[in-house]
Amino acid sequence: MEVNFQMNGIQINYLSPLKKWRLLDLRNLMKACNYEASYISFVKMILRLEKKRMVGSAYDPFTRRKYLYLTKEGNNYLGGDDSPPSISKETFVHDAKVVELILELMKLNCFYGFELEHEISAKSNFKVGYKICPDAILMGEKKKKKFKLALELELTRKTKSKYLGKISQYLDSSYYDYVFYLFQNKGVLESYKATTEDKFGVQASKKILFGLNENLLSRSFDLAETNVHFKEKEIKIHELFN
């Protein structure tokens, strides 16, 4: 489809963060592009770009937040990849929550960088360096020691063979220092944790972290309420990463 609409430099700046994030809700997109006028005027500007098919949108059914993403036309206009990562209805809630989690985790003192799944899988050295593709990677430093933390958001229960197979790969990998599995359901967490310990022993808890936040999908979600099982102890997430 040929695009006749011409964006100005300011509008391009407003949409550029979507190349990195792929998905962002309205308020966080506004922050990311340093928009200084009112929220209402930002919404109106985005609506104009939606009408021109530069961006698409979807609502999180749990939080009712509106998320934006680049359309194929918008991606092409900004000079993106020939095959940009698509937005799937089946994984939208999961993908939107991963973005929210990264935004919240990056507020903690020990994290200084991150990569999202679509960035990881697009790297030329993915099969050699990363091998396993988590939902995101966070780069951090604690007590003057740098580390890489793989994030796995588990909103649904996977088969035992599937998640144990991936955990086995993580335990064998020297690229990831830690892996953080985050759940909204206590029963699913306990099942994963018990099965992992049965299969790999309690020493797996030195690398595999299991976190629980039962308000994970709600609008009242607060990262500080997350409890993390690490090295056979249960600790609040801010105590662990701050």
Foldseek 3Di string as FASTA:
>chain_A
DDQPDDDDPLVLLLQVVCLQLQKDFLVVSCVNSVPDDDSVVSVVVVVVCVVSQQKDWDAQPFQRTIMIGGDQVNCVVNVHDNDQDDQDPVCNLVSHLLSVVVVVLCVADFWDDKHAQRRLVPDPCNCPQVVDGARMWTWGADPNDIFIEGEHEDADADDPVVVLVNLVVVVVDPNHQAYEYEYLDPVSLVVNVVSNCVVPNLVSLQHYKYKYDNCSSHNPDDQQPIWIQHSNDIDGPSVVRD
